[in-house]
């Protein structure tokens, strides 16, 4: 049953992906419910991997992503809470990378923690929080690329984090008013594929990466 669901998962995700991209491109209707349904699908699919520590960390991260998207997507946006939750997601991915690599894991603490000093500066708190998040994402991408040589699942996880970085670069570009014709669509062009790759990178059969 779990294997069948994981086989269907990319197909259903692709259908939702095509639907919300079409809605975004044509403006025919609000795509938000379809996007949130796709993220929920990713989370529920990840629950099939709870037999392993790696799967549990992945599911915890995707639960955080669902909560973050709730605050970012739905009416009454609370961007600081959403970004803070995405920081928690990156912490879960750092733990996953530590589990995958063991003693080879390099936490890169200066890169991860130095952005905390931004909170002491007269910057908007959302900007400081976003930079802290992106620094931790960058550190995780670096470690994921190092781990990618170990297995196909690790490579898929690295691809997922790279796609997530592309999504966040589009988010930043939108906030700066850059290339909004593409970046407004590009956010979700990269985001759902990143989550699908991360789900599929989790080992569901009791094996470690």
C-alpha atoms as a PDB file:
ATOM      1  CA  UNK A   1       0.000   0.000   0.000  1.00  0.00           C
ATOM      2  CA  UNK A   2       2.773   2.428   0.929  1.00  0.00           C
ATOM      3  CA  UNK A   3       4.707   1.587  -2.248  1.00  0.00           C
ATOM      4  CA  UNK A   4       1.587   2.140  -4.379  1.00  0.00           C
ATOM      5  CA  UNK A   5       0.917   5.507  -2.734  1.00  0.00           C
ATOM      6  CA  UNK A   6       4.501   6.654  -3.282  1.00  0.00           C
ATOM      7  CA  UNK A   7       4.172   5.635  -6.931  1.00  0.00           C
ATOM      8  CA  UNK A   8       0.982   7.675  -7.311  1.00  0.00           C
ATOM      9  CA  UNK A   9       2.330  10.601  -5.310  1.00  0.00           C
ATOM     10  CA  UNK A  10       4.484  12.145  -8.098  1.00  0.00           C
ATOM     11  CA  UNK A  11       1.585  11.766 -10.573  1.00  0.00           C
ATOM     12  CA  UNK A  12      -0.932  13.520  -8.306  1.00  0.00           C
ATOM     13  CA  UNK A  13       1.632  16.176  -7.443  1.00  0.00           C
ATOM     14  CA  UNK A  14       2.272  16.773 -11.149  1.00  0.00           C
ATOM     15  CA  UNK A  15      -1.457  17.214 -11.757  1.00  0.00           C
ATOM     16  CA  UNK A  16      -1.757  19.760  -8.936  1.00  0.00           C
ATOM     17  CA  UNK A  17       1.415  21.476 -10.163  1.00  0.00           C
ATOM     18  CA  UNK A  18       0.044  21.860 -13.691  1.00  0.00           C
ATOM     19  CA  UNK A  19      -3.284  23.104 -12.313  1.00  0.00           C
ATOM     20  CA  UNK A  20      -1.938  25.908 -10.142  1.00  0.00           C
ATOM     21  CA  UNK A  21       0.615  27.003 -12.737  1.00  0.00           C
ATOM     22  CA  UNK A  22      -2.169  27.255 -15.307  1.00  0.00           C
ATOM     23  CA  UNK A  23      -4.302  29.254 -12.868  1.00  0.00           C
ATOM     24  CA  UNK A  24      -1.374  31.570 -12.114  1.00  0.00           C
ATOM     25  CA  UNK A  25      -0.547  32.098 -15.776  1.00  0.00           C
ATOM     26  CA  UNK A  26      -4.121  32.720 -16.889  1.00  0.00           C
ATOM     27  CA  UNK A  27      -5.505  34.405 -13.759  1.00  0.00           C
ATOM     28  CA  UNK A  28      -8.630  32.270 -14.177  1.00  0.00           C
ATOM     29  CA  UNK A  29      -9.004  31.643 -10.431  1.00  0.00           C
ATOM     30  CA  UNK A  30      -7.183  31.808  -7.119  1.00  0.00           C
ATOM     31  CA  UNK A  31      -4.543  29.052  -7.059  1.00  0.00           C
ATOM     32  CA  UNK A  32      -3.942  29.197  -3.288  1.00  0.00           C
ATOM     33  CA  UNK A  33      -6.177  26.215  -2.342  1.00  0.00           C
ATOM     34  CA  UNK A  34      -4.499  24.028  -4.967  1.00  0.00           C
ATOM     35  CA  UNK A  35      -1.028  25.033  -3.762  1.00  0.00           C
ATOM     36  CA  UNK A  36      -1.869  24.309  -0.144  1.00  0.00           C
ATOM     37  CA  UNK A  37      -3.425  20.962  -1.114  1.00  0.00           C
ATOM     38  CA  UNK A  38      -0.155  20.051  -2.880  1.00  0.00           C
ATOM     39  CA  UNK A  39       1.893  20.849   0.233  1.00  0.00           C
ATOM     40  CA  UNK A  40      -0.494  18.808   2.389  1.00  0.00           C
ATOM     41  CA  UNK A  41      -0.081  15.913  -0.051  1.00  0.00           C
ATOM     42  CA  UNK A  42       3.697  16.112   0.398  1.00  0.00           C
ATOM     43  CA  UNK A  43       3.349  16.027   4.168  1.00  0.00           C
ATOM     44  CA  UNK A  44       0.922  13.085   4.246  1.00  0.00           C
ATOM     45  CA  UNK A  45       3.119  11.146   1.826  1.00  0.00           C
ATOM     46  CA  UNK A  46       6.110  11.701   4.113  1.00  0.00           C
ATOM     47  CA  UNK A  47       4.220   9.957   6.937  1.00  0.00           C
ATOM     48  CA  UNK A  48       4.754   6.673   5.094  1.00  0.00           C
ATOM     49  CA  UNK A  49       8.459   6.921   5.965  1.00  0.00           C
ATOM     50  CA  UNK A  50       8.120   7.040   9.744  1.00  0.00           C
ATOM     51  CA  UNK A  51       9.794   3.640  10.173  1.00  0.00           C
ATOM     52  CA  UNK A  52      13.228   5.283  10.003  1.00  0.00           C
ATOM     53  CA  UNK A  53      14.889   8.140  11.859  1.00  0.00           C
ATOM     54  CA  UNK A  54      15.555   9.779   8.494  1.00  0.00           C
ATOM     55  CA  UNK A  55      11.900   9.489   7.572  1.00  0.00           C
ATOM     56  CA  UNK A  56      10.780  10.958  10.885  1.00  0.00           C
ATOM     57  CA  UNK A  57      13.074  13.967  10.468  1.00  0.00           C
ATOM     58  CA  UNK A  58      11.760  14.483   6.940  1.00  0.00           C
ATOM     59  CA  UNK A  59       8.150  14.283   8.101  1.00  0.00           C
ATOM     60  CA  UNK A  60       8.849  16.734  10.935  1.00  0.00           C
ATOM     61  CA  UNK A  61      10.391  19.198   8.483  1.00  0.00           C
ATOM     62  CA  UNK A  62       7.436  18.907   6.114  1.00  0.00           C
ATOM     63  CA  UNK A  63       5.022  19.414   9.019  1.00  0.00           C
ATOM     64  CA  UNK A  64       6.859  22.670   9.702  1.00  0.00           C
ATOM     65  CA  UNK A  65       6.569  23.606   6.024  1.00  0.00           C
ATOM     66  CA  UNK A  66       2.802  23.042   6.120  1.00  0.00           C
ATOM     67  CA  UNK A  67       2.482  25.326   9.152  1.00  0.00           C
ATOM     68  CA  UNK A  68       4.737  27.950   7.571  1.00  0.00           C
ATOM     69  CA  UNK A  69       2.743  27.932   4.341  1.00  0.00           C
ATOM     70  CA  UNK A  70      -0.464  28.299   6.353  1.00  0.00           C
ATOM     71  CA  UNK A  71       0.819  31.623   7.684  1.00  0.00           C
ATOM     72  CA  UNK A  72       2.272  32.745   4.344  1.00  0.00           C
ATOM     73  CA  UNK A  73      -0.458  31.682   1.938  1.00  0.00           C
ATOM     74  CA  UNK A  74      -3.813  32.009   3.632  1.00  0.00           C
ATOM     75  CA  UNK A  75      -5.733  35.211   4.446  1.00  0.00           C
ATOM     76  CA  UNK A  76      -4.349  37.259   7.329  1.00  0.00           C
ATOM     77  CA  UNK A  77      -0.726  36.654   6.303  1.00  0.00           C
ATOM     78  CA  UNK A  78       1.802  36.576   9.114  1.00  0.00           C
ATOM     79  CA  UNK A  79       5.123  36.637   7.299  1.00  0.00           C
ATOM     80  CA  UNK A  80       7.383  36.743  10.403  1.00  0.00           C
ATOM     81  CA  UNK A  81       5.744  33.614  11.832  1.00  0.00           C
ATOM     82  CA  UNK A  82       5.957  31.859   8.479  1.00  0.00           C
ATOM     83  CA  UNK A  83       9.651  32.647   8.046  1.00  0.00           C
ATOM     84  CA  UNK A  84      10.378  31.658  11.646  1.00  0.00           C
ATOM     85  CA  UNK A  85       8.742  28.284  11.017  1.00  0.00           C
ATOM     86  CA  UNK A  86      10.848  27.854   7.892  1.00  0.00           C
ATOM     87  CA  UNK A  87      13.907  28.435  10.102  1.00  0.00           C
ATOM     88  CA  UNK A  88      12.716  25.473  12.189  1.00  0.00           C
ATOM     89  CA  UNK A  89      12.380  23.465   8.963  1.00  0.00           C
ATOM     90  CA  UNK A  90      16.012  24.192   8.112  1.00  0.00           C
ATOM     91  CA  UNK A  91      17.038  23.098  11.601  1.00  0.00           C
ATOM     92  CA  UNK A  92      15.270  19.770  10.980  1.00  0.00           C
ATOM     93  CA  UNK A  93      17.094  19.401   7.659  1.00  0.00           C
ATOM     94  CA  UNK A  94      20.400  20.119   9.402  1.00  0.00           C
ATOM     95  CA  UNK A  95      19.633  17.281  11.829  1.00  0.00           C
ATOM     96  CA  UNK A  96      18.784  15.049   8.875  1.00  0.00           C
ATOM     97  CA  UNK A  97      22.115  15.867   7.234  1.00  0.00           C
ATOM     98  CA  UNK A  98      23.908  15.162  10.509  1.00  0.00           C
ATOM     99  CA  UNK A  99      22.147  11.791  10.665  1.00  0.00           C
ATOM    100  CA  UNK A 100      23.073  11.043   7.038  1.00  0.00           C
ATOM    101  CA  UNK A 101      26.744  12.001   7.320  1.00  0.00           C
ATOM    102  CA  UNK A 102      27.614  11.221  10.919  1.00  0.00           C
ATOM    103  CA  UNK A 103      31.102  12.477  11.794  1.00  0.00           C
ATOM    104  CA  UNK A 104      31.525  13.876   8.271  1.00  0.00           C
ATOM    105  CA  UNK A 105      28.830  16.486   8.900  1.00  0.00           C
ATOM    106  CA  UNK A 106      30.189  20.029   9.057  1.00  0.00           C
ATOM    107  CA  UNK A 107      27.762  22.261  10.942  1.00  0.00           C
ATOM    108  CA  UNK A 108      29.261  25.521   9.595  1.00  0.00           C
ATOM    109  CA  UNK A 109      28.185  27.294  12.758  1.00  0.00           C
ATOM    110  CA  UNK A 110      29.634  30.715  11.836  1.00  0.00           C
ATOM    111  CA  UNK A 111      27.553  30.784   8.651  1.00  0.00           C
ATOM    112  CA  UNK A 112      24.464  29.601  10.520  1.00  0.00           C
ATOM    113  CA  UNK A 113      24.737  31.810  13.601  1.00  0.00           C
ATOM    114  CA  UNK A 114      26.432  35.060  12.556  1.00  0.00           C
ATOM    115  CA  UNK A 115      23.206  36.377  10.952  1.00  0.00           C
ATOM    116  CA  UNK A 116      21.753  36.486  14.475  1.00  0.00           C
ATOM    117  CA  UNK A 117      23.843  39.638  14.952  1.00  0.00           C
ATOM    118  CA  UNK A 118      21.543  41.340  12.439  1.00  0.00           C
ATOM    119  CA  UNK A 119      18.825  41.430  15.101  1.00  0.00           C
ATOM    120  CA  UNK A 120      20.984  43.924  17.019  1.00  0.00           C
ATOM    121  CA  UNK A 121      21.022  46.295  14.043  1.00  0.00           C
ATOM    122  CA  UNK A 122      18.284  48.756  13.107  1.00  0.00           C
ATOM    123  CA  UNK A 123      16.944  46.442  10.399  1.00  0.00           C
ATOM    124  CA  UNK A 124      13.335  45.329   9.942  1.00  0.00           C
ATOM    125  CA  UNK A 125      12.971  42.139  11.961  1.00  0.00           C
ATOM    126  CA  UNK A 126      11.487  40.305   8.977  1.00  0.00           C
ATOM    127  CA  UNK A 127      14.592  41.128   6.918  1.00  0.00           C
ATOM    128  CA  UNK A 128      16.920  39.901   9.680  1.00  0.00           C
ATOM    129  CA  UNK A 129      14.868  36.729  10.104  1.00  0.00           C
ATOM    130  CA  UNK A 130      14.869  36.101   6.354  1.00  0.00           C
ATOM    131  CA  UNK A 131      18.656  36.465   6.165  1.00  0.00           C
ATOM    132  CA  UNK A 132      19.065  34.088   9.112  1.00  0.00           C
ATOM    133  CA  UNK A 133      16.838  31.573   7.324  1.00  0.00           C
ATOM    134  CA  UNK A 134      18.717  31.893   4.040  1.00  0.00           C
ATOM    135  CA  UNK A 135      22.099  31.476   5.733  1.00  0.00           C
ATOM    136  CA  UNK A 136      20.922  28.193   7.235  1.00  0.00           C
ATOM    137  CA  UNK A 137      19.468  27.057   3.921  1.00  0.00           C
ATOM    138  CA  UNK A 138      22.817  27.856   2.252  1.00  0.00           C
ATOM    139  CA  UNK A 139      24.685  25.802   4.865  1.00  0.00           C
ATOM    140  CA  UNK A 140      22.279  22.900   4.335  1.00  0.00           C
ATOM    141  CA  UNK A 141      22.674  23.051   0.551  1.00  0.00           C
ATOM    142  CA  UNK A 142      26.455  22.950   1.012  1.00  0.00           C
ATOM    143  CA  UNK A 143      26.240  19.852   3.213  1.00  0.00           C
ATOM    144  CA  UNK A 144      23.636  18.181   0.985  1.00  0.00           C
ATOM    145  CA  UNK A 145      25.928  18.533  -2.024  1.00  0.00           C
ATOM    146  CA  UNK A 146      28.724  16.907  -0.005  1.00  0.00           C
ATOM    147  CA  UNK A 147      26.395  14.049   0.936  1.00  0.00           C
ATOM    148  CA  UNK A 148      25.109  13.600  -2.623  1.00  0.00           C
ATOM    149  CA  UNK A 149      27.928  11.202  -3.503  1.00  0.00           C
ATOM    150  CA  UNK A 150      26.706   8.661  -0.937  1.00  0.00           C
ATOM    151  CA  UNK A 151      23.415   7.510  -2.480  1.00  0.00           C
ATOM    152  CA  UNK A 152      20.658   8.262  -4.934  1.00  0.00           C
ATOM    153  CA  UNK A 153      18.388   9.340  -2.088  1.00  0.00           C
ATOM    154  CA  UNK A 154      20.996  11.811  -0.842  1.00  0.00           C
ATOM    155  CA  UNK A 155      21.327  13.228  -4.367  1.00  0.00           C
ATOM    156  CA  UNK A 156      17.570  13.665  -4.554  1.00  0.00           C
ATOM    157  CA  UNK A 157      17.611  15.510  -1.231  1.00  0.00           C
ATOM    158  CA  UNK A 158      20.353  17.806  -2.552  1.00  0.00           C
ATOM    159  CA  UNK A 159      18.281  18.542  -5.662  1.00  0.00           C
ATOM    160  CA  UNK A 160      15.290  19.327  -3.440  1.00  0.00           C
ATOM    161  CA  UNK A 161      17.273  21.827  -1.386  1.00  0.00           C
ATOM    162  CA  UNK A 162      18.744  23.437  -4.513  1.00  0.00           C
ATOM    163  CA  UNK A 163      15.243  23.879  -5.940  1.00  0.00           C
ATOM    164  CA  UNK A 164      14.155  25.343  -2.607  1.00  0.00           C
ATOM    165  CA  UNK A 165      17.016  27.837  -2.816  1.00  0.00           C
ATOM    166  CA  UNK A 166      15.868  28.817  -6.335  1.00  0.00           C
ATOM    167  CA  UNK A 167      12.366  29.344  -4.931  1.00  0.00           C
ATOM    168  CA  UNK A 168      13.674  31.579  -2.151  1.00  0.00           C
ATOM    169  CA  UNK A 169      15.793  33.603  -4.567  1.00  0.00           C
ATOM    170  CA  UNK A 170      12.591  34.258  -6.515  1.00  0.00           C
ATOM    171  CA  UNK A 171      10.856  35.306  -3.293  1.00  0.00           C
ATOM    172  CA  UNK A 172      13.662  37.756  -2.588  1.00  0.00           C
ATOM    173  CA  UNK A 173      13.523  39.095  -6.136  1.00  0.00           C
ATOM    174  CA  UNK A 174       9.776  39.680  -5.834  1.00  0.00           C
ATOM    175  CA  UNK A 175      10.283  41.615  -2.603  1.00  0.00           C
ATOM    176  CA  UNK A 176      12.885  43.768  -4.371  1.00  0.00           C
ATOM    177  CA  UNK A 177      10.655  44.246  -7.421  1.00  0.00           C
ATOM    178  CA  UNK A 178      13.063  42.404  -9.734  1.00  0.00           C
ATOM    179  CA  UNK A 179      11.857  40.456 -12.776  1.00  0.00           C
ATOM    180  CA  UNK A 180       8.427  40.136 -11.215  1.00  0.00           C
ATOM    181  CA  UNK A 181       6.942  38.767 -14.433  1.00  0.00           C
ATOM    182  CA  UNK A 182       8.951  35.585 -13.914  1.00  0.00           C
ATOM    183  CA  UNK A 183       9.794  35.485 -10.223  1.00  0.00           C
ATOM    184  CA  UNK A 184       6.159  35.767  -9.149  1.00  0.00           C
ATOM    185  CA  UNK A 185       5.509  32.479 -10.958  1.00  0.00           C
ATOM    186  CA  UNK A 186       9.000  31.133 -10.322  1.00  0.00           C
ATOM    187  CA  UNK A 187       8.471  30.836  -6.579  1.00  0.00           C
ATOM    188  CA  UNK A 188       6.054  27.949  -6.996  1.00  0.00           C
ATOM    189  CA  UNK A 189       7.658  26.760 -10.214  1.00  0.00           C
ATOM    190  CA  UNK A 190      10.540  25.642  -7.973  1.00  0.00           C
ATOM    191  CA  UNK A 191       8.843  25.164  -4.596  1.00  0.00           C
ATOM    192  CA  UNK A 192       6.553  22.190  -5.193  1.00  0.00           C
ATOM    193  CA  UNK A 193       9.216  20.196  -7.108  1.00  0.00           C
ATOM    194  CA  UNK A 194      11.596  20.840  -4.200  1.00  0.00           C
ATOM    195  CA  UNK A 195       9.123  19.367  -1.723  1.00  0.00           C
ATOM    196  CA  UNK A 196       8.389  16.373  -3.954  1.00  0.00           C
ATOM    197  CA  UNK A 197      12.117  15.609  -4.252  1.00  0.00           C
ATOM    198  CA  UNK A 198      12.554  15.882  -0.486  1.00  0.00           C
ATOM    199  CA  UNK A 199       9.640  13.514   0.156  1.00  0.00           C
ATOM    200  CA  UNK A 200      10.965  10.962  -2.328  1.00  0.00           C
ATOM    201  CA  UNK A 201      14.461  11.195  -0.831  1.00  0.00           C
ATOM    202  CA  UNK A 202      13.248   9.750   2.491  1.00  0.00           C
ATOM    203  CA  UNK A 203      13.786   6.020   2.899  1.00  0.00           C
ATOM    204  CA  UNK A 204      10.469   4.270   3.671  1.00  0.00           C
ATOM    205  CA  UNK A 205      11.719   0.685   4.162  1.00  0.00           C
ATOM    206  CA  UNK A 206      13.760   0.803   7.316  1.00  0.00           C
ATOM    207  CA  UNK A 207      17.062   1.522   5.599  1.00  0.00           C
ATOM    208  CA  UNK A 208      19.322   4.425   6.382  1.00  0.00           C
ATOM    209  CA  UNK A 209      20.648   6.739   3.682  1.00  0.00           C
END
